[in-house]
Amino acid sequence: MYIETYEQLASFCERATKSDVLAIDTEFMREKTFYPKLCLIQLATRSEIVLVDPLSIPDLTDLCKLFLDKKITKIFHACSQDLELIYDIFSCLPKPVFDTQVAAAFLGHRFQIGYGPLVDALCHVHLPKAESLTDWTRRPLAEEQLEYAADDVRYLPRMYDTLLHELKEKERYAWFLEEMHEVCNEHHVIKKPQEAYLHMRRISSLTRKQLAIAREIGIWRDVIASHKDIPRKWVIPDEIVIDLCKSVPKTMERLERIRSVDTLSIDDKQTLLQAIEKGVACPRELYPTTKRHERASQEMESVVDLMYALVRLQSEKTGVATQLLATRDDLCAFVRGVSDTQLSDSWRFEMIGQKLQALMEGRVGLTVKDGKVELL
């Protein structure tokens, strides 16, 4: 059902309140804007599928109420971008959330498996990809586009039932809930201007002092981009930000020697210089924590290789995706004794952290038997 009036939307929302699940997906465009442009909202209960046209309905308040109804489990596949979009548009975060991609990683499927392959694996349905590059802003949408959009939520309730049953049967549901708590944490979903620098390319190449400058330029760039509703990189790209943090121009003349800066207005250049100056003046105790990792010694690399072999062994044994259990960065931090690593607490410590600790202390070992790695 295609919904393009408030009355149709209100009627669906009333029906949906009686459902125990609500599958959600969105189609949006943001290639030329700072803010994502919501173009279509796909929703499914156990009995119906609707496609909501937000370009035709200015008041979507009823949807927000539905998203916040704690009696209804909201089902997504790879929920991060959808949650960020929903927060930007509705200023709310759906609860409770079940992410089929996260659940699948606990149950023998590859890490970050796509929606199509998971539908194929669990529902034995092969989905076409013909409309994956559709311009969703154009109207009217063709029948093929609508069918493609509907398929994005059609199988979510069925997959939810299958994955939930298996999670509980294998006693991993509590672990899954822990992971979903992290995935849906407001700190991860809500993007703050003062944290924009953390997502820049090559940010790890900067010192802590330079990071303080990057933080201020990141805030400046977000203000400019959001005001003009253009992508951040259209203001100045990441590589120029990194260059500014290293060269630290203090005058207009020095600033204008840097490529891409010439496209800025005089006012924007002045405020950029002020942002750089503010970053330079940041007290040492307020420097951002560096994201750079110390270069591992050859000895540590060997230890991490051995630990990673144990992680892969545990992954093969349990079916929990290797990357979900631990990354090489996690292992390096664990070796160095970092206290707040993922492996030091939560479900990961129970599943793999304790075994890694035993390996490091020499209480267990690895061997090869019949061409396979085994735990001694």
Protein backbone atom coordinates (compact mmCIF):
# COMPACT_ATOMS: atom_id res chain seq x y z
CA MET A 1 0.00 0.00 0.00
CA TYR A 2 1.36 3.39 -1.00
CA ILE A 3 0.63 6.08 1.61
CA GLU A 4 0.64 9.69 0.49
CA THR A 5 -1.93 11.38 2.76
CA TYR A 6 -1.97 12.06 6.50
CA GLU A 7 -5.28 10.18 6.84
CA GLN A 8 -3.81 7.03 5.30
CA LEU A 9 -0.76 7.28 7.57
CA ALA A 10 -2.85 7.79 10.72
CA SER A 11 -4.98 4.78 9.82
CA PHE A 12 -1.95 2.54 9.34
CA CYS A 13 -0.34 3.72 12.59
CA GLU A 14 -3.54 2.84 14.45
CA ARG A 15 -3.48 -0.68 12.98
CA ALA A 16 0.24 -1.05 13.64
CA THR A 17 -0.17 -0.41 17.38
CA LYS A 18 -1.77 -3.85 17.59
CA SER A 19 1.32 -5.54 16.10
CA ASP A 20 4.20 -6.98 18.13
CA VAL A 21 6.74 -6.09 15.42
CA LEU A 22 7.39 -3.27 12.97
CA ALA A 23 9.95 -3.73 10.20
CA ILE A 24 11.55 -0.44 9.11
CA ASP A 25 13.72 0.69 6.23
CA THR A 26 14.29 4.08 4.63
CA GLU A 27 15.39 5.45 1.30
CA PHE A 28 17.18 8.78 1.35
CA MET A 29 19.55 10.96 -0.66
CA ARG A 30 22.45 13.00 0.71
CA GLU A 31 25.02 13.14 -2.10
CA LYS A 32 24.52 16.89 -2.55
CA THR A 33 23.31 17.95 0.90
CA PHE A 34 24.46 18.09 4.52
CA TYR A 35 21.12 16.86 5.81
CA PRO A 36 19.80 13.57 4.43
CA LYS A 37 16.66 14.00 2.34
CA LEU A 38 14.14 11.38 3.41
CA CYS A 39 12.43 10.06 0.28
CA LEU A 40 10.56 6.92 1.34
CA ILE A 41 9.78 4.99 4.52
CA GLN A 42 9.07 1.28 4.21
CA LEU A 43 7.14 -0.33 7.07
CA ALA A 44 5.82 -3.84 7.62
CA THR A 45 3.85 -5.61 10.31
CA ARG A 46 3.08 -9.31 10.15
CA SER A 47 0.03 -8.65 8.01
CA GLU A 48 0.77 -5.66 5.77
CA ILE A 49 3.46 -3.64 4.03
CA VAL A 50 3.18 0.10 3.46
CA LEU A 51 5.37 2.61 1.66
CA VAL A 52 5.10 6.08 3.18
CA ASP A 53 5.86 9.06 0.94
CA PRO A 54 7.33 11.77 3.24
CA LEU A 55 7.55 14.17 0.28
CA SER A 56 3.73 14.25 0.23
CA ILE A 57 3.04 14.20 3.98
CA PRO A 58 4.47 17.13 5.97
CA ASP A 59 3.24 15.83 9.36
CA LEU A 60 4.80 12.48 10.32
CA THR A 61 4.21 12.82 14.07
CA ASP A 62 2.19 9.62 14.29
CA LEU A 63 5.19 7.65 13.09
CA CYS A 64 7.31 8.99 15.93
CA LYS A 65 4.74 7.71 18.44
CA LEU A 66 4.89 4.32 16.76
CA PHE A 67 8.70 4.28 16.85
CA LEU A 68 8.66 4.96 20.59
CA ASP A 69 6.02 2.33 21.45
CA LYS A 70 7.99 -0.10 23.65
CA LYS A 71 5.45 -2.88 23.10
CA ILE A 72 6.50 -3.10 19.45
CA THR A 73 9.91 -4.49 18.45
CA LYS A 74 11.40 -2.39 15.62
CA ILE A 75 13.24 -4.63 13.14
CA PHE A 76 16.02 -3.24 10.95
CA HIS A 77 18.81 -4.68 8.88
CA ALA A 78 22.02 -2.68 9.47
CA CYS A 79 20.24 -0.07 11.55
CA SER A 80 22.95 2.59 12.09
CA GLN A 81 22.18 4.88 9.13
CA ASP A 82 18.43 4.47 9.57
CA LEU A 83 18.63 5.39 13.26
CA GLU A 84 20.76 8.44 12.48
CA LEU A 85 18.27 9.54 9.82
CA ILE A 86 15.25 8.95 12.05
CA TYR A 87 16.86 10.97 14.82
CA ASP A 88 17.64 13.83 12.42
CA ILE A 89 14.07 13.88 11.08
CA PHE A 90 11.99 12.93 14.12
CA SER A 91 14.30 13.81 17.05
CA CYS A 92 13.63 10.39 18.53
CA LEU A 93 15.26 6.96 18.58
CA PRO A 94 13.09 3.85 18.02
CA LYS A 95 13.01 1.40 20.92
CA PRO A 96 13.35 -1.54 21.29
CA VAL A 97 15.44 -2.39 18.20
CA PHE A 98 16.33 -5.77 16.70
CA ASP A 99 19.02 -5.67 14.00
CA THR A 100 18.99 -8.79 11.83
CA GLN A 101 22.56 -8.11 10.64
CA VAL A 102 23.90 -8.06 14.20
CA ALA A 103 21.87 -11.13 15.17
CA ALA A 104 23.14 -13.06 12.13
CA ALA A 105 26.77 -12.39 13.15
CA PHE A 106 26.12 -14.34 16.37
CA LEU A 107 24.71 -17.31 14.46
CA GLY A 108 27.21 -18.48 11.88
CA HIS A 109 26.70 -15.85 9.18
CA ARG A 110 29.49 -13.60 7.98
CA PHE A 111 30.12 -10.30 9.67
CA GLN A 112 27.97 -7.45 8.28
CA ILE A 113 26.13 -9.76 5.90
CA GLY A 114 23.96 -7.91 3.38
CA TYR A 115 20.17 -7.97 3.44
CA GLY A 116 19.88 -9.89 0.15
CA PRO A 117 22.25 -12.72 1.12
CA LEU A 118 20.55 -13.08 4.52
CA VAL A 119 17.10 -13.28 2.91
CA ASP A 120 18.54 -15.90 0.56
CA ALA A 121 19.99 -17.89 3.48
CA LEU A 122 16.97 -17.74 5.81
CA CYS A 123 13.99 -17.41 3.46
CA HIS A 124 15.40 -19.06 0.31
CA VAL A 125 14.39 -16.05 -1.77
CA HIS A 126 16.74 -14.37 -4.25
CA LEU A 127 16.16 -10.62 -4.38
CA PRO A 128 16.95 -8.57 -7.51
CA LYS A 129 19.35 -5.61 -7.23
CA ALA A 130 18.12 -3.72 -10.29
CA GLU A 131 16.84 -0.67 -8.36
CA SER A 132 19.73 -0.29 -5.89
CA LEU A 133 20.87 2.99 -7.54
CA THR A 134 17.40 4.51 -7.90
CA ASP A 135 16.90 8.26 -7.54
CA TRP A 136 14.25 8.11 -4.82
CA THR A 137 13.44 11.83 -5.05
CA ARG A 138 11.71 11.45 -8.42
CA ARG A 139 7.96 11.07 -8.65
CA PRO A 140 6.02 9.10 -9.57
CA LEU A 141 7.93 5.98 -8.53
CA ALA A 142 7.59 3.10 -10.97
CA GLU A 143 5.97 -0.19 -9.99
CA GLU A 144 9.37 -1.91 -10.08
CA GLN A 145 10.79 0.66 -7.66
CA LEU A 146 7.88 0.23 -5.26
CA GLU A 147 8.24 -3.54 -5.35
CA TYR A 148 11.98 -3.27 -4.70
CA ALA A 149 11.33 -0.94 -1.75
CA ALA A 150 8.66 -3.24 -0.31
CA ASP A 151 11.04 -6.22 -0.50
CA ASP A 152 13.40 -4.37 1.85
CA VAL A 153 10.97 -4.96 4.73
CA ARG A 154 8.90 -7.88 3.44
CA TYR A 155 11.13 -10.58 4.93
CA LEU A 156 12.27 -8.85 8.11
CA PRO A 157 9.49 -10.20 10.41
CA ARG A 158 10.12 -13.77 9.21
CA MET A 159 13.89 -13.42 9.68
CA TYR A 160 13.32 -11.87 13.11
CA ASP A 161 11.37 -14.94 14.24
CA THR A 162 14.06 -17.31 12.95
CA LEU A 163 17.00 -15.39 14.41
CA LEU A 164 15.31 -14.71 17.76
CA HIS A 165 14.48 -18.40 18.19
CA GLU A 166 18.06 -19.43 17.38
CA LEU A 167 19.58 -16.77 19.64
CA LYS A 168 17.54 -18.04 22.57
CA GLU A 169 18.11 -21.69 21.70
CA LYS A 170 21.89 -21.16 21.69
CA GLU A 171 21.71 -18.97 24.81
CA ARG A 172 23.14 -15.94 23.03
CA TYR A 173 20.17 -13.61 23.33
CA ALA A 174 21.63 -11.83 26.37
CA TRP A 175 24.88 -11.23 24.44
CA PHE A 176 22.90 -9.91 21.49
CA LEU A 177 21.00 -7.49 23.76
CA GLU A 178 24.32 -6.19 25.13
CA GLU A 179 25.58 -5.59 21.62
CA MET A 180 22.34 -3.87 20.56
CA HIS A 181 22.58 -1.60 23.59
CA GLU A 182 25.94 -0.40 22.25
CA VAL A 183 24.75 -0.14 18.64
CA CYS A 184 21.71 1.94 19.63
CA ASN A 185 23.51 4.03 22.23
CA GLU A 186 22.78 7.72 21.68
CA HIS A 187 26.52 8.44 21.75
CA HIS A 188 26.95 6.33 18.61
CA VAL A 189 23.81 7.50 16.81
CA ILE A 190 23.73 11.24 17.50
CA LYS A 191 26.50 13.02 15.61
CA LYS A 192 27.94 15.98 17.54
CA PRO A 193 29.83 18.77 15.72
CA GLN A 194 32.63 18.61 18.31
CA GLU A 195 33.21 14.98 17.32
CA ALA A 196 33.12 15.51 13.55
CA TYR A 197 36.94 15.48 13.35
CA LEU A 198 37.01 11.86 14.54
CA HIS A 199 35.54 10.73 11.21
CA MET A 200 38.03 12.54 8.98
CA ARG A 201 40.37 10.57 6.74
CA ARG A 202 43.96 10.33 8.00
CA ILE A 203 42.99 11.81 11.38
CA SER A 204 45.23 9.21 13.03
CA SER A 205 48.28 10.92 11.48
CA LEU A 206 47.88 13.94 13.78
CA THR A 207 49.43 14.61 17.18
CA ARG A 208 47.20 15.46 20.14
CA LYS A 209 48.01 19.16 19.71
CA GLN A 210 47.04 18.98 16.03
CA LEU A 211 43.86 17.09 16.95
CA ALA A 212 42.79 20.10 19.02
CA ILE A 213 43.01 22.20 15.84
CA ALA A 214 41.18 19.51 13.82
CA ARG A 215 38.38 19.52 16.38
CA GLU A 216 37.83 23.27 15.97
CA ILE A 217 38.04 23.13 12.16
CA GLY A 218 35.57 20.23 12.23
CA ILE A 219 33.10 22.32 14.23
CA TRP A 220 33.64 25.29 11.88
CA ARG A 221 33.11 23.11 8.80
CA ASP A 222 29.91 21.58 10.21
CA VAL A 223 28.49 25.04 10.90
CA ILE A 224 29.22 26.19 7.32
CA ALA A 225 27.99 22.94 5.71
CA SER A 226 24.79 22.75 7.76
CA HIS A 227 23.97 26.42 7.13
CA LYS A 228 24.40 25.99 3.36
CA ASP A 229 23.05 22.41 3.40
CA ILE A 230 25.98 21.07 1.41
CA PRO A 231 28.28 18.09 2.06
CA ARG A 232 31.20 18.77 4.42
CA LYS A 233 33.75 17.99 1.71
CA TRP A 234 32.26 20.76 -0.45
CA VAL A 235 33.39 23.28 2.18
CA ILE A 236 36.92 21.88 2.37
CA PRO A 237 37.87 18.20 2.00
CA ASP A 238 39.42 16.13 4.79
CA GLU A 239 42.93 16.17 3.31
CA ILE A 240 42.95 19.99 3.39
CA VAL A 241 41.84 19.95 7.04
CA ILE A 242 44.75 17.64 7.87
CA ASP A 243 47.12 19.95 5.98
CA LEU A 244 45.80 22.99 7.87
CA CYS A 245 46.36 21.23 11.19
CA LYS A 246 49.98 20.57 10.27
CA SER A 247 50.84 23.89 8.60
CA VAL A 248 48.81 26.08 11.03
CA PRO A 249 48.41 29.25 8.91
CA LYS A 250 47.96 32.35 11.06
CA THR A 251 47.41 34.99 8.40
CA MET A 252 45.10 35.36 5.44
CA GLU A 253 48.09 35.36 3.11
CA ARG A 254 49.36 32.01 4.42
CA LEU A 255 45.86 30.54 4.43
CA GLU A 256 45.22 31.45 0.80
CA ARG A 257 48.32 29.56 -0.31
CA ILE A 258 46.52 26.31 0.50
CA ARG A 259 44.51 24.79 -2.32
CA SER A 260 40.70 24.56 -2.06
CA VAL A 261 40.62 27.50 0.37
CA ASP A 262 40.17 29.95 -2.52
CA THR A 263 36.56 28.76 -2.94
CA LEU A 264 35.66 30.12 0.52
CA SER A 265 34.17 33.56 1.06
CA ILE A 266 36.20 36.22 2.92
CA ASP A 267 33.96 35.76 5.98
CA ASP A 268 34.42 31.99 5.91
CA LYS A 269 38.19 32.39 5.67
CA GLN A 270 38.19 34.74 8.65
CA THR A 271 36.16 32.33 10.77
CA LEU A 272 38.43 29.47 9.67
CA LEU A 273 41.47 31.40 10.91
CA GLN A 274 39.65 31.99 14.20
CA ALA A 275 38.93 28.26 14.49
CA ILE A 276 42.62 27.45 13.91
CA GLU A 277 43.62 30.05 16.49
CA LYS A 278 41.21 28.59 19.02
CA GLY A 279 42.62 25.11 18.43
CA VAL A 280 46.21 26.37 18.88
CA ALA A 281 45.22 28.06 22.16
CA CYS A 282 43.69 24.86 23.58
CA PRO A 283 45.30 23.97 26.96
CA ARG A 284 47.34 20.77 26.91
CA GLU A 285 45.05 19.10 29.47
CA LEU A 286 42.10 19.55 27.07
CA TYR A 287 43.80 18.00 24.04
CA PRO A 288 41.73 15.21 22.47
CA THR A 289 42.89 11.67 23.13
CA THR A 290 44.92 10.46 20.21
CA LYS A 291 43.48 7.69 18.07
CA ARG A 292 46.92 6.69 16.88
CA HIS A 293 48.09 3.23 17.83
CA GLU A 294 51.63 2.62 18.96
CA ARG A 295 53.56 0.64 16.39
CA ALA A 296 53.58 -2.96 17.54
CA SER A 297 56.96 -4.60 17.95
CA GLN A 298 57.73 -7.80 16.06
CA GLU A 299 57.32 -9.70 19.32
CA MET A 300 53.88 -8.17 19.91
CA GLU A 301 52.84 -8.87 16.31
CA SER A 302 53.72 -12.53 16.89
CA VAL A 303 51.68 -12.60 20.09
CA VAL A 304 48.71 -10.94 18.34
CA ASP A 305 48.96 -13.44 15.46
CA LEU A 306 48.73 -16.29 17.97
CA MET A 307 45.80 -14.63 19.76
CA TYR A 308 44.01 -14.06 16.46
CA ALA A 309 44.39 -17.74 15.66
CA LEU A 310 42.58 -18.47 18.94
CA VAL A 311 39.85 -15.95 18.05
CA ARG A 312 39.33 -17.64 14.66
CA LEU A 313 39.26 -21.03 16.37
CA GLN A 314 36.58 -19.83 18.78
CA SER A 315 34.67 -18.28 15.87
CA GLU A 316 34.68 -21.58 13.97
CA LYS A 317 33.61 -23.45 17.09
CA THR A 318 30.75 -21.13 18.06
CA GLY A 319 29.66 -19.60 14.75
CA VAL A 320 30.10 -16.07 16.11
CA ALA A 321 31.76 -13.93 13.41
CA THR A 322 35.48 -13.37 13.98
CA GLN A 323 35.27 -9.57 13.56
CA LEU A 324 32.42 -9.43 16.05
CA LEU A 325 34.53 -11.26 18.62
CA ALA A 326 37.67 -9.14 18.26
CA THR A 327 39.68 -7.04 15.83
CA ARG A 328 43.47 -6.90 15.73
CA ASP A 329 43.27 -3.47 17.38
CA ASP A 330 41.24 -5.03 20.22
CA LEU A 331 43.92 -7.69 20.63
CA CYS A 332 46.77 -5.14 20.66
CA ALA A 333 44.97 -3.15 23.34
CA PHE A 334 44.36 -6.34 25.34
CA VAL A 335 48.06 -7.25 25.19
CA ARG A 336 49.02 -3.76 26.37
CA GLY A 337 46.66 -4.08 29.32
CA VAL A 338 44.25 -1.33 28.32
CA SER A 339 41.52 -1.51 30.94
CA ASP A 340 38.47 -0.51 28.89
CA THR A 341 38.95 -2.81 25.90
CA GLN A 342 35.89 -4.70 24.64
CA LEU A 343 37.57 -7.96 25.60
CA SER A 344 37.90 -7.02 29.26
CA ASP A 345 34.20 -7.13 30.08
CA SER A 346 30.74 -7.87 28.67
CA TRP A 347 29.89 -10.97 26.68
CA ARG A 348 33.23 -10.93 24.83
CA PHE A 349 35.18 -11.57 28.02
CA GLU A 350 32.98 -14.58 28.73
CA MET A 351 33.34 -15.99 25.22
CA ILE A 352 36.96 -15.16 24.28
CA GLY A 353 38.59 -12.73 26.74
CA GLN A 354 39.15 -15.36 29.43
CA LYS A 355 40.71 -17.77 26.92
CA LEU A 356 43.00 -15.04 25.59
CA GLN A 357 44.09 -14.23 29.13
CA ALA A 358 44.86 -17.90 29.75
CA LEU A 359 46.85 -18.03 26.49
CA MET A 360 48.91 -15.00 27.48
CA GLU A 361 49.62 -16.53 30.89
CA GLY A 362 50.69 -19.85 29.37
CA ARG A 363 47.84 -21.81 30.95
CA VAL A 364 46.59 -22.94 27.53
CA GLY A 365 48.22 -23.31 24.14
CA LEU A 366 47.52 -24.02 20.50
CA THR A 367 48.59 -26.99 18.44
CA VAL A 368 47.99 -28.41 14.97
CA LYS A 369 46.21 -31.74 14.63
CA ASP A 370 45.12 -33.29 11.34
CA GLY A 371 45.81 -29.99 9.60
CA LYS A 372 43.63 -27.97 12.01
CA VAL A 373 44.45 -25.64 14.90
CA GLU A 374 43.28 -26.96 18.26
CA LEU A 375 43.37 -25.70 21.85
CA LEU A 376 45.68 -27.57 24.20
